[in-house]
N, C-alpha and C. Protein backbone atom coordinates (compact mmCIF):
# COMPACT_ATOMS: atom_id res chain seq x y z
N UNK A 1 65.64 91.50 91.09
CA UNK A 1 66.28 91.94 89.87
C UNK A 1 67.79 91.69 89.98
N UNK A 2 68.39 91.11 88.94
CA UNK A 2 69.83 90.83 88.99
C UNK A 2 70.67 92.11 89.04
N UNK A 3 71.79 92.00 89.68
CA UNK A 3 72.73 93.12 89.77
C UNK A 3 73.40 93.30 88.42
N UNK A 4 73.54 94.55 87.98
CA UNK A 4 74.17 94.84 86.70
C UNK A 4 75.52 95.51 86.94
N UNK A 5 76.48 95.12 86.12
CA UNK A 5 77.83 95.65 86.23
C UNK A 5 78.29 96.06 84.84
N UNK A 6 78.89 97.23 84.75
CA UNK A 6 79.48 97.65 83.48
C UNK A 6 80.80 96.90 83.27
N UNK A 7 80.99 96.37 82.10
CA UNK A 7 82.20 95.60 81.80
C UNK A 7 83.45 96.45 82.04
N UNK A 8 83.39 97.73 81.73
CA UNK A 8 84.55 98.62 81.91
C UNK A 8 84.94 98.81 83.37
N UNK A 9 84.05 98.44 84.29
CA UNK A 9 84.34 98.58 85.72
C UNK A 9 85.02 97.34 86.29
N UNK A 10 85.15 96.29 85.49
CA UNK A 10 85.77 95.05 85.95
C UNK A 10 87.28 95.10 85.71
N UNK A 11 88.04 94.62 86.69
CA UNK A 11 89.49 94.58 86.57
C UNK A 11 90.01 93.20 86.95
N UNK A 12 91.14 92.83 86.38
CA UNK A 12 91.75 91.54 86.69
C UNK A 12 92.78 91.71 87.81
N UNK A 13 93.42 90.61 88.17
CA UNK A 13 94.38 90.62 89.27
C UNK A 13 95.55 91.57 89.02
N UNK A 14 95.96 91.70 87.76
CA UNK A 14 97.06 92.61 87.43
C UNK A 14 96.70 94.05 87.79
N UNK A 15 95.48 94.46 87.44
CA UNK A 15 95.05 95.82 87.76
C UNK A 15 94.82 96.01 89.26
N UNK A 16 94.33 94.98 89.93
CA UNK A 16 94.19 95.04 91.39
C UNK A 16 95.56 95.27 92.01
N UNK A 17 96.55 94.51 91.56
CA UNK A 17 97.91 94.66 92.07
C UNK A 17 98.44 96.07 91.85
N UNK A 18 98.19 96.64 90.67
CA UNK A 18 98.64 98.00 90.39
C UNK A 18 98.00 99.01 91.34
N UNK A 19 96.70 98.89 91.57
CA UNK A 19 96.01 99.80 92.48
C UNK A 19 96.56 99.68 93.89
N UNK A 20 96.85 98.45 94.32
CA UNK A 20 97.33 98.23 95.68
C UNK A 20 98.82 98.49 95.83
N UNK A 21 99.52 98.76 94.72
CA UNK A 21 100.95 99.02 94.79
C UNK A 21 101.76 97.75 94.95
N UNK A 22 101.25 96.64 94.48
CA UNK A 22 101.94 95.36 94.57
C UNK A 22 102.74 95.12 93.29
N UNK A 23 103.84 94.42 93.41
CA UNK A 23 104.69 94.21 92.24
C UNK A 23 104.25 93.03 91.39
N UNK A 24 103.46 92.11 91.94
CA UNK A 24 103.05 90.93 91.19
C UNK A 24 101.56 90.66 91.40
N UNK A 25 100.91 90.22 90.36
CA UNK A 25 99.49 89.91 90.47
C UNK A 25 99.23 88.73 91.39
N UNK A 26 100.21 87.83 91.53
CA UNK A 26 100.03 86.68 92.40
C UNK A 26 99.89 87.08 93.87
N UNK A 27 100.38 88.24 94.22
CA UNK A 27 100.30 88.72 95.60
C UNK A 27 98.86 89.05 95.98
N UNK A 28 98.00 89.28 95.01
CA UNK A 28 96.59 89.59 95.29
C UNK A 28 95.95 88.45 96.08
N UNK A 29 96.23 87.21 95.73
CA UNK A 29 95.65 86.08 96.48
C UNK A 29 96.16 86.05 97.92
N UNK A 30 97.41 86.45 98.14
CA UNK A 30 97.93 86.53 99.50
C UNK A 30 97.20 87.61 100.29
N UNK A 31 96.92 88.73 99.62
CA UNK A 31 96.17 89.81 100.27
C UNK A 31 94.77 89.33 100.65
N UNK A 32 94.14 88.52 99.82
CA UNK A 32 92.81 88.03 100.14
C UNK A 32 92.83 87.18 101.41
N UNK A 33 93.91 86.46 101.63
CA UNK A 33 94.05 85.66 102.84
C UNK A 33 94.38 86.54 104.04
N UNK A 34 95.28 87.49 103.84
CA UNK A 34 95.75 88.36 104.92
C UNK A 34 94.68 89.35 105.38
N UNK A 35 93.85 89.82 104.45
CA UNK A 35 92.85 90.84 104.75
C UNK A 35 91.45 90.30 104.46
N UNK A 36 90.78 89.73 105.45
CA UNK A 36 89.45 89.15 105.21
C UNK A 36 88.42 90.17 104.74
N UNK A 37 88.66 91.46 104.98
CA UNK A 37 87.70 92.48 104.55
C UNK A 37 87.96 92.98 103.13
N UNK A 38 88.98 92.44 102.48
CA UNK A 38 89.26 92.83 101.09
C UNK A 38 88.11 92.35 100.21
N UNK A 39 87.67 93.21 99.28
CA UNK A 39 86.59 92.79 98.39
C UNK A 39 86.94 91.51 97.63
N UNK A 40 85.97 90.66 97.50
CA UNK A 40 86.14 89.41 96.77
C UNK A 40 85.80 89.62 95.30
N UNK A 41 86.32 88.78 94.44
CA UNK A 41 85.99 88.91 93.02
C UNK A 41 84.48 88.80 92.79
N UNK A 42 83.98 89.58 91.85
CA UNK A 42 82.57 89.46 91.48
C UNK A 42 82.40 88.37 90.42
N UNK A 43 83.50 88.00 89.77
CA UNK A 43 83.51 86.88 88.83
C UNK A 43 84.66 85.97 89.21
N UNK A 44 84.33 84.73 89.56
CA UNK A 44 85.34 83.72 89.90
C UNK A 44 84.92 82.43 89.22
N UNK A 45 85.64 82.07 88.18
CA UNK A 45 85.27 80.91 87.38
C UNK A 45 85.94 79.62 87.87
N UNK A 46 86.57 79.67 89.04
CA UNK A 46 87.16 78.46 89.60
C UNK A 46 88.67 78.44 89.50
N UNK A 47 89.29 77.41 90.07
CA UNK A 47 90.74 77.31 90.11
C UNK A 47 91.38 77.39 88.72
N UNK A 48 92.41 78.22 88.62
CA UNK A 48 93.13 78.36 87.36
C UNK A 48 92.39 79.15 86.30
N UNK A 49 91.27 79.74 86.66
CA UNK A 49 90.46 80.51 85.71
C UNK A 49 90.46 81.97 86.14
N UNK A 50 90.09 82.88 85.25
CA UNK A 50 90.13 84.31 85.57
C UNK A 50 89.20 84.71 86.72
N UNK A 51 89.65 85.71 87.45
CA UNK A 51 88.83 86.35 88.48
C UNK A 51 88.78 87.83 88.15
N UNK A 52 87.64 88.45 88.39
CA UNK A 52 87.47 89.88 88.11
C UNK A 52 86.86 90.57 89.33
N UNK A 53 87.36 91.76 89.61
CA UNK A 53 86.89 92.57 90.73
C UNK A 53 86.25 93.85 90.18
N UNK A 54 85.46 94.50 91.02
CA UNK A 54 84.94 95.82 90.68
C UNK A 54 85.98 96.85 91.08
N UNK A 55 86.39 97.67 90.14
CA UNK A 55 87.41 98.68 90.38
C UNK A 55 87.03 99.57 91.58
N UNK A 56 85.79 100.03 91.62
CA UNK A 56 85.37 100.94 92.69
C UNK A 56 85.51 100.30 94.07
N UNK A 57 85.21 99.01 94.19
CA UNK A 57 85.34 98.33 95.49
C UNK A 57 86.80 98.24 95.91
N UNK A 58 87.68 97.90 94.96
CA UNK A 58 89.11 97.79 95.28
C UNK A 58 89.68 99.15 95.64
N UNK A 59 89.35 100.19 94.87
CA UNK A 59 89.87 101.53 95.16
C UNK A 59 89.38 102.03 96.52
N UNK A 60 88.10 101.82 96.82
CA UNK A 60 87.56 102.25 98.12
C UNK A 60 88.24 101.51 99.26
N UNK A 61 88.41 100.18 99.12
CA UNK A 61 89.06 99.39 100.16
C UNK A 61 90.52 99.81 100.32
N UNK A 62 91.20 100.02 99.22
CA UNK A 62 92.61 100.43 99.27
C UNK A 62 92.75 101.78 99.98
N UNK A 63 91.93 102.75 99.63
CA UNK A 63 92.01 104.06 100.26
C UNK A 63 91.76 103.97 101.77
N UNK A 64 90.79 103.16 102.16
CA UNK A 64 90.48 102.98 103.59
C UNK A 64 91.63 102.32 104.33
N UNK A 65 92.14 101.21 103.80
CA UNK A 65 93.20 100.48 104.52
C UNK A 65 94.53 101.22 104.49
N UNK A 66 94.81 101.95 103.41
CA UNK A 66 96.04 102.74 103.36
C UNK A 66 95.97 103.87 104.39
N UNK A 67 94.80 104.50 104.51
CA UNK A 67 94.64 105.58 105.50
C UNK A 67 94.81 105.04 106.92
N UNK A 68 94.43 103.80 107.13
CA UNK A 68 94.59 103.16 108.45
C UNK A 68 96.00 102.64 108.65
N UNK A 69 96.83 102.69 107.62
CA UNK A 69 98.21 102.20 107.71
C UNK A 69 98.32 100.70 107.62
N UNK A 70 97.29 100.02 107.12
CA UNK A 70 97.32 98.56 107.03
C UNK A 70 97.93 98.05 105.74
N UNK A 71 97.93 98.85 104.69
CA UNK A 71 98.50 98.43 103.40
C UNK A 71 99.34 99.56 102.85
N UNK A 72 99.92 99.33 101.69
CA UNK A 72 100.72 100.35 101.02
C UNK A 72 99.85 101.56 100.75
N UNK A 73 100.48 102.74 100.70
CA UNK A 73 99.70 103.96 100.57
C UNK A 73 99.50 104.44 99.14
N UNK A 74 100.21 103.89 98.18
CA UNK A 74 100.03 104.42 96.83
C UNK A 74 100.34 103.44 95.75
N UNK A 75 100.00 103.84 94.57
CA UNK A 75 100.28 103.02 93.39
C UNK A 75 101.74 103.11 93.04
N UNK A 76 102.26 102.03 92.51
CA UNK A 76 103.62 102.05 91.97
C UNK A 76 103.55 102.71 90.61
N UNK A 77 104.58 103.44 90.25
CA UNK A 77 104.57 104.00 88.89
C UNK A 77 104.62 102.87 87.87
N UNK A 78 103.93 103.06 86.78
CA UNK A 78 103.93 102.04 85.73
C UNK A 78 105.32 101.95 85.12
N UNK A 79 105.74 100.73 84.86
CA UNK A 79 107.03 100.52 84.19
C UNK A 79 106.82 100.68 82.70
N UNK A 80 107.73 101.39 82.04
CA UNK A 80 107.59 101.48 80.58
C UNK A 80 107.79 100.12 79.97
N UNK A 81 106.99 99.80 78.99
CA UNK A 81 107.12 98.51 78.31
C UNK A 81 108.08 98.64 77.15
N UNK A 82 108.86 97.60 76.90
CA UNK A 82 109.77 97.67 75.75
C UNK A 82 108.98 97.87 74.47
N UNK A 83 109.46 98.77 73.64
CA UNK A 83 108.76 99.07 72.41
C UNK A 83 109.27 98.25 71.23
N UNK A 84 110.36 97.56 71.44
CA UNK A 84 110.92 96.78 70.35
C UNK A 84 111.84 97.61 69.47
N UNK A 85 111.93 98.90 69.76
CA UNK A 85 112.80 99.78 68.98
C UNK A 85 114.23 99.67 69.44
N UNK A 86 115.07 100.44 68.82
CA UNK A 86 116.50 100.43 69.15
C UNK A 86 116.71 101.04 70.53
N UNK A 87 117.65 100.50 71.25
CA UNK A 87 118.02 101.01 72.55
C UNK A 87 118.84 102.28 72.38
N UNK A 88 118.67 103.27 73.28
CA UNK A 88 119.48 104.46 73.16
C UNK A 88 120.96 104.18 73.43
N UNK A 89 121.25 103.01 73.99
CA UNK A 89 122.64 102.64 74.31
C UNK A 89 123.24 101.74 73.24
N UNK A 90 122.51 101.54 72.16
CA UNK A 90 123.01 100.66 71.11
C UNK A 90 122.76 99.21 71.47
N UNK A 91 123.16 98.32 70.61
CA UNK A 91 122.98 96.91 70.84
C UNK A 91 124.16 96.40 71.67
N UNK A 92 123.89 96.06 72.92
CA UNK A 92 124.96 95.65 73.83
C UNK A 92 125.44 94.24 73.54
N UNK A 93 124.67 93.47 72.80
CA UNK A 93 125.06 92.09 72.54
C UNK A 93 125.92 91.93 71.29
N UNK A 94 126.03 92.99 70.50
CA UNK A 94 126.82 92.85 69.27
C UNK A 94 128.30 92.99 69.58
N UNK A 95 129.10 92.34 68.77
CA UNK A 95 130.56 92.42 68.93
C UNK A 95 131.11 93.32 67.86
N UNK A 96 132.01 94.19 68.23
CA UNK A 96 132.60 95.11 67.25
C UNK A 96 133.88 94.56 66.71
């Protein structure tokens, strides 16, 4: 019987990076080389195409390796995204 996965349990490299406390999603591929026991993507469509991991596998691996002191111990706080609204400091590029 084929293995079934809930779509909501799949995460991309950006979310893997957030869980691992990495600043860039590109660092995930470096982690895959550095840590052979890191879970591999459950969906890999080939070079230059999306890869998806199971959230539970990444979280379990992260908790284990962080407890062993092999990787970062926590998530980075999310950066607020620009809302496109006015800056509280006014428009710094305008000339008075």
